[in-house]
């Protein structure tokens, strides 16, 4: 069965960095685009960015463009979210999702302190 498992969340000070990972299994990873989403307390889940199946075309929400970087390693069935210059507004649970599917991970909490 399809499984997506995020890791790498934690508490970081404003201006700091974190790298989230998503381990995928149960499907042919290298043919699917992958996406990252986040949900802040009391808010709807929002799109962060996505990456094409071969990793050549990452795309980002305007709110994170220039500070977040998505990459993937198809040999390891992994997708990553590098987050730099984090701000308190980035505090949320971060999820990976196989694009255009209902397959989500369980999420990993990111807390940015001011």
N, C-alpha and C. Protein backbone atom coordinates (compact mmCIF):
# COMPACT_ATOMS: atom_id res chain seq x y z
N UNK A 1 0.84 -1.18 0.00
CA UNK A 1 0.00 0.00 0.00
C UNK A 1 0.89 1.25 0.00
N UNK A 2 0.30 2.33 -0.47
CA UNK A 2 1.04 3.59 -0.53
C UNK A 2 1.29 4.11 0.88
N UNK A 3 2.53 4.47 1.15
CA UNK A 3 2.89 5.09 2.42
C UNK A 3 3.79 6.29 2.16
N UNK A 4 3.51 7.35 2.90
CA UNK A 4 4.33 8.55 2.89
C UNK A 4 4.62 8.91 4.33
N UNK A 5 5.90 9.02 4.67
CA UNK A 5 6.28 9.27 6.06
C UNK A 5 7.21 10.48 6.11
N UNK A 6 6.72 11.56 6.72
CA UNK A 6 7.53 12.77 6.86
C UNK A 6 8.37 12.71 8.12
N UNK A 7 9.49 13.40 8.08
CA UNK A 7 10.34 13.54 9.25
C UNK A 7 11.14 14.83 9.13
N UNK A 8 11.80 15.20 10.23
CA UNK A 8 12.67 16.36 10.20
C UNK A 8 12.12 17.62 10.81
N UNK A 9 10.88 17.58 11.26
CA UNK A 9 10.32 18.76 11.90
C UNK A 9 10.95 19.02 13.26
N UNK A 10 10.63 20.17 13.81
CA UNK A 10 11.17 20.52 15.11
C UNK A 10 10.94 21.97 15.42
N UNK A 11 11.65 22.46 16.42
CA UNK A 11 11.56 23.85 16.83
C UNK A 11 12.83 24.55 16.40
N UNK A 12 12.67 25.70 15.76
CA UNK A 12 13.81 26.46 15.27
C UNK A 12 13.53 27.94 15.51
N UNK A 13 14.58 28.69 15.70
CA UNK A 13 14.41 30.14 15.88
C UNK A 13 14.19 30.83 14.54
N UNK A 14 13.55 31.96 14.61
CA UNK A 14 13.33 32.76 13.41
C UNK A 14 14.66 33.03 12.71
N UNK A 15 14.65 32.83 11.39
CA UNK A 15 15.87 32.97 10.61
C UNK A 15 16.63 31.68 10.41
N UNK A 16 16.23 30.66 11.12
CA UNK A 16 16.91 29.37 11.02
C UNK A 16 16.44 28.54 9.84
N UNK A 17 16.95 27.31 9.78
CA UNK A 17 16.66 26.40 8.68
C UNK A 17 16.26 25.03 9.20
N UNK A 18 15.48 24.35 8.40
CA UNK A 18 15.13 22.95 8.64
C UNK A 18 15.04 22.25 7.31
N UNK A 19 15.31 20.97 7.32
CA UNK A 19 15.13 20.14 6.13
C UNK A 19 14.17 19.01 6.47
N UNK A 20 13.05 19.01 5.78
CA UNK A 20 12.08 17.95 5.96
C UNK A 20 12.30 16.87 4.92
N UNK A 21 12.01 15.65 5.30
CA UNK A 21 12.12 14.52 4.40
C UNK A 21 10.79 13.79 4.33
N UNK A 22 10.54 13.17 3.20
CA UNK A 22 9.35 12.34 3.02
C UNK A 22 9.79 11.05 2.35
N UNK A 23 9.60 9.96 3.05
CA UNK A 23 9.94 8.64 2.52
C UNK A 23 8.70 8.02 1.91
N UNK A 24 8.80 7.61 0.66
CA UNK A 24 7.66 7.06 -0.06
C UNK A 24 7.86 5.57 -0.30
N UNK A 25 6.76 4.83 -0.27
CA UNK A 25 6.81 3.41 -0.57
C UNK A 25 5.44 2.95 -1.07
N UNK A 26 5.44 1.79 -1.71
CA UNK A 26 4.18 1.20 -2.15
C UNK A 26 3.70 1.63 -3.52
N UNK A 27 4.51 2.41 -4.22
CA UNK A 27 4.15 2.79 -5.58
C UNK A 27 5.44 3.12 -6.35
N UNK A 28 5.30 3.26 -7.66
CA UNK A 28 6.45 3.57 -8.50
C UNK A 28 6.76 5.05 -8.38
N UNK A 29 7.64 5.36 -7.45
CA UNK A 29 7.88 6.74 -7.04
C UNK A 29 8.32 7.62 -8.20
N UNK A 30 9.17 7.11 -9.07
CA UNK A 30 9.82 7.99 -10.05
C UNK A 30 8.93 8.41 -11.21
N UNK A 31 7.66 8.02 -11.20
CA UNK A 31 6.77 8.49 -12.27
C UNK A 31 5.74 9.49 -11.77
N UNK A 32 5.80 9.81 -10.49
CA UNK A 32 4.80 10.72 -9.92
C UNK A 32 5.41 12.03 -9.44
N UNK A 33 4.79 13.16 -9.83
CA UNK A 33 5.14 14.42 -9.16
C UNK A 33 4.74 14.34 -7.69
N UNK A 34 5.47 15.07 -6.87
CA UNK A 34 5.19 15.06 -5.43
C UNK A 34 5.00 16.50 -4.96
N UNK A 35 4.25 16.65 -3.88
CA UNK A 35 3.92 17.99 -3.39
C UNK A 35 4.14 18.08 -1.89
N UNK A 36 4.32 19.30 -1.43
CA UNK A 36 4.37 19.62 -0.01
C UNK A 36 3.25 20.60 0.30
N UNK A 37 2.63 20.38 1.45
CA UNK A 37 1.55 21.24 1.94
C UNK A 37 1.83 21.54 3.41
N UNK A 38 1.11 22.51 3.93
CA UNK A 38 1.23 22.79 5.36
C UNK A 38 -0.12 23.27 5.89
N UNK A 39 -0.30 23.07 7.19
CA UNK A 39 -1.52 23.54 7.85
C UNK A 39 -1.15 24.17 9.18
N UNK A 40 -1.38 25.47 9.24
CA UNK A 40 -1.13 26.22 10.48
C UNK A 40 -2.35 26.10 11.39
N UNK A 41 -2.15 26.31 12.68
CA UNK A 41 -3.27 26.22 13.62
C UNK A 41 -4.42 27.14 13.23
N UNK A 42 -5.61 26.57 13.15
CA UNK A 42 -6.80 27.36 12.84
C UNK A 42 -6.94 27.77 11.39
N UNK A 43 -6.08 27.26 10.54
CA UNK A 43 -6.13 27.64 9.12
C UNK A 43 -6.30 26.41 8.24
N UNK A 44 -6.69 26.67 7.00
CA UNK A 44 -6.83 25.58 6.04
C UNK A 44 -5.45 25.11 5.57
N UNK A 45 -5.42 23.88 5.12
CA UNK A 45 -4.19 23.35 4.55
C UNK A 45 -3.86 24.13 3.28
N UNK A 46 -2.59 24.50 3.12
CA UNK A 46 -2.20 25.28 1.95
C UNK A 46 -1.03 24.64 1.23
N UNK A 47 -1.03 24.86 -0.07
CA UNK A 47 0.02 24.34 -0.95
C UNK A 47 1.32 25.08 -0.70
N UNK A 48 2.41 24.32 -0.59
CA UNK A 48 3.74 24.91 -0.42
C UNK A 48 4.52 24.85 -1.73
N UNK A 49 4.51 23.69 -2.36
CA UNK A 49 5.23 23.55 -3.61
C UNK A 49 5.16 22.13 -4.12
N UNK A 50 5.66 21.95 -5.34
CA UNK A 50 5.69 20.60 -5.90
C UNK A 50 6.92 20.43 -6.77
N UNK A 51 7.12 19.18 -7.17
CA UNK A 51 8.28 18.85 -7.98
C UNK A 51 7.89 17.77 -8.98
N UNK A 52 8.37 17.90 -10.19
CA UNK A 52 8.05 16.94 -11.23
C UNK A 52 8.68 15.58 -10.94
N UNK A 53 8.27 14.59 -11.71
CA UNK A 53 8.71 13.23 -11.44
C UNK A 53 10.22 13.07 -11.54
N UNK A 54 10.86 13.83 -12.43
CA UNK A 54 12.31 13.71 -12.57
C UNK A 54 13.07 14.79 -11.81
N UNK A 55 12.34 15.60 -11.07
CA UNK A 55 12.98 16.61 -10.24
C UNK A 55 13.41 17.86 -10.96
N UNK A 56 13.06 18.00 -12.22
CA UNK A 56 13.58 19.12 -13.01
C UNK A 56 12.75 20.38 -12.89
N UNK A 57 11.56 20.29 -12.36
CA UNK A 57 10.66 21.45 -12.38
C UNK A 57 9.99 21.66 -11.04
N UNK A 58 10.73 22.15 -10.03
CA UNK A 58 10.05 22.51 -8.78
C UNK A 58 9.26 23.81 -8.97
N UNK A 59 8.20 23.92 -8.23
CA UNK A 59 7.37 25.12 -8.26
C UNK A 59 6.94 25.41 -6.84
N UNK A 60 6.72 26.70 -6.54
CA UNK A 60 6.51 27.09 -5.16
C UNK A 60 5.37 28.10 -5.04
N UNK A 61 4.73 28.07 -3.88
CA UNK A 61 3.79 29.13 -3.55
C UNK A 61 4.57 30.43 -3.37
N UNK A 62 3.92 31.53 -3.69
CA UNK A 62 4.58 32.83 -3.59
C UNK A 62 5.08 33.10 -2.17
N UNK A 63 4.38 32.57 -1.19
CA UNK A 63 4.73 32.85 0.21
C UNK A 63 6.06 32.24 0.62
N UNK A 64 6.56 31.26 -0.13
CA UNK A 64 7.79 30.59 0.25
C UNK A 64 8.87 30.70 -0.82
N UNK A 65 8.52 31.24 -1.95
CA UNK A 65 9.46 31.30 -3.07
C UNK A 65 10.73 32.06 -2.66
N UNK A 66 11.85 31.48 -2.98
CA UNK A 66 13.14 32.11 -2.65
C UNK A 66 13.71 31.66 -1.31
N UNK A 67 12.88 31.03 -0.49
CA UNK A 67 13.36 30.58 0.84
C UNK A 67 13.25 29.07 0.99
N UNK A 68 12.32 28.44 0.28
CA UNK A 68 12.14 26.99 0.37
C UNK A 68 12.61 26.34 -0.93
N UNK A 69 13.17 25.14 -0.82
CA UNK A 69 13.64 24.39 -1.98
C UNK A 69 13.18 22.94 -1.87
N UNK A 70 12.53 22.48 -2.93
CA UNK A 70 12.09 21.09 -2.99
C UNK A 70 13.04 20.31 -3.89
N UNK A 71 13.41 19.13 -3.44
CA UNK A 71 14.24 18.24 -4.25
C UNK A 71 13.78 16.81 -4.02
N UNK A 72 14.30 15.91 -4.82
CA UNK A 72 13.94 14.50 -4.66
C UNK A 72 15.10 13.63 -5.06
N UNK A 73 15.11 12.42 -4.52
CA UNK A 73 16.10 11.41 -4.86
C UNK A 73 15.31 10.17 -5.25
N UNK A 74 15.17 9.95 -6.54
CA UNK A 74 14.35 8.83 -7.00
C UNK A 74 14.99 7.48 -6.69
N UNK A 75 16.29 7.45 -6.53
CA UNK A 75 16.96 6.19 -6.17
C UNK A 75 16.60 5.77 -4.75
N UNK A 76 16.26 6.74 -3.91
CA UNK A 76 15.94 6.46 -2.51
C UNK A 76 14.45 6.60 -2.20
N UNK A 77 13.67 6.95 -3.21
CA UNK A 77 12.23 7.19 -3.00
C UNK A 77 11.99 8.24 -1.92
N UNK A 78 12.72 9.35 -2.04
CA UNK A 78 12.64 10.42 -1.04
C UNK A 78 12.36 11.75 -1.72
N UNK A 79 11.61 12.57 -1.02
CA UNK A 79 11.43 13.96 -1.44
C UNK A 79 11.73 14.84 -0.23
N UNK A 80 12.33 16.00 -0.49
CA UNK A 80 12.82 16.85 0.57
C UNK A 80 12.26 18.26 0.45
N UNK A 81 12.18 18.92 1.59
CA UNK A 81 11.81 20.33 1.63
C UNK A 81 12.84 21.05 2.50
N UNK A 82 13.71 21.80 1.85
CA UNK A 82 14.69 22.62 2.55
C UNK A 82 14.07 23.98 2.82
N UNK A 83 14.03 24.37 4.07
CA UNK A 83 13.40 25.63 4.46
C UNK A 83 14.43 26.52 5.12
N UNK A 84 14.69 27.64 4.50
CA UNK A 84 15.68 28.59 5.00
C UNK A 84 15.02 29.91 5.40
N UNK A 85 15.72 30.66 6.23
CA UNK A 85 15.21 31.96 6.69
C UNK A 85 13.76 31.83 7.16
N UNK A 86 13.57 30.89 8.05
CA UNK A 86 12.21 30.61 8.52
C UNK A 86 11.67 31.75 9.36
N UNK A 87 10.38 31.97 9.22
CA UNK A 87 9.69 32.99 9.98
C UNK A 87 8.60 32.34 10.83
N UNK A 88 8.18 33.00 11.90
CA UNK A 88 7.12 32.41 12.74
C UNK A 88 5.86 32.02 11.97
N UNK A 89 5.57 32.73 10.88
CA UNK A 89 4.38 32.39 10.08
C UNK A 89 4.50 31.02 9.43
N UNK A 90 5.68 30.45 9.41
CA UNK A 90 5.87 29.12 8.82
C UNK A 90 5.51 28.00 9.80
N UNK A 91 5.17 28.34 11.03
CA UNK A 91 4.77 27.34 12.00
C UNK A 91 3.52 26.61 11.52
N UNK A 92 3.64 25.29 11.39
CA UNK A 92 2.56 24.50 10.82
C UNK A 92 2.94 23.03 10.88
N UNK A 93 1.98 22.20 10.57
CA UNK A 93 2.26 20.79 10.30
C UNK A 93 2.48 20.68 8.79
N UNK A 94 3.57 20.06 8.42
CA UNK A 94 3.95 19.93 7.01
C UNK A 94 3.69 18.51 6.53
N UNK A 95 3.09 18.42 5.36
CA UNK A 95 2.69 17.14 4.79
C UNK A 95 3.26 16.97 3.40
N UNK A 96 3.62 15.76 3.06
CA UNK A 96 3.88 15.47 1.65
C UNK A 96 2.68 14.69 1.10
N UNK A 97 2.50 14.84 -0.17
CA UNK A 97 1.35 14.25 -0.84
C UNK A 97 1.75 13.86 -2.24
N UNK A 98 1.32 12.70 -2.67
CA UNK A 98 1.50 12.36 -4.07
C UNK A 98 0.53 13.25 -4.85
N UNK A 99 1.04 13.93 -5.86
CA UNK A 99 0.26 14.94 -6.55
C UNK A 99 -1.04 14.37 -7.13
N UNK A 100 -2.10 15.10 -6.99
CA UNK A 100 -3.42 14.75 -7.53
C UNK A 100 -3.88 13.39 -7.02
N UNK A 101 -3.64 13.14 -5.76
CA UNK A 101 -4.09 11.90 -5.15
C UNK A 101 -4.58 12.20 -3.75
N UNK A 102 -5.11 11.19 -3.12
CA UNK A 102 -5.52 11.32 -1.73
C UNK A 102 -4.52 10.64 -0.80
N UNK A 103 -3.29 10.51 -1.27
CA UNK A 103 -2.25 9.90 -0.46
C UNK A 103 -1.43 10.99 0.22
N UNK A 104 -1.58 11.04 1.54
CA UNK A 104 -0.89 12.02 2.36
C UNK A 104 -0.06 11.31 3.43
N UNK A 105 0.99 11.96 3.86
CA UNK A 105 1.70 11.49 5.03
C UNK A 105 0.98 11.92 6.30
N UNK A 106 1.56 11.55 7.44
CA UNK A 106 0.94 11.89 8.73
C UNK A 106 1.30 13.30 9.19
N UNK A 107 2.30 13.88 8.53
CA UNK A 107 2.70 15.25 8.86
C UNK A 107 3.83 15.31 9.87
N UNK A 108 4.55 16.42 9.83
CA UNK A 108 5.61 16.67 10.80
C UNK A 108 5.50 18.13 11.24
N UNK A 109 5.59 18.36 12.54
CA UNK A 109 5.37 19.68 13.10
C UNK A 109 6.63 20.54 12.98
N UNK A 110 6.45 21.74 12.46
CA UNK A 110 7.50 22.74 12.42
C UNK A 110 7.04 23.93 13.25
N UNK A 111 7.87 24.32 14.20
CA UNK A 111 7.57 25.48 15.03
C UNK A 111 8.73 26.46 14.94
N UNK A 112 8.42 27.68 14.55
CA UNK A 112 9.43 28.72 14.43
C UNK A 112 9.18 29.75 15.52
N UNK A 113 10.14 29.90 16.41
CA UNK A 113 9.99 30.83 17.52
C UNK A 113 10.59 32.18 17.15
N UNK A 114 9.98 33.22 17.67
CA UNK A 114 10.44 34.58 17.35
C UNK A 114 11.50 35.05 18.34
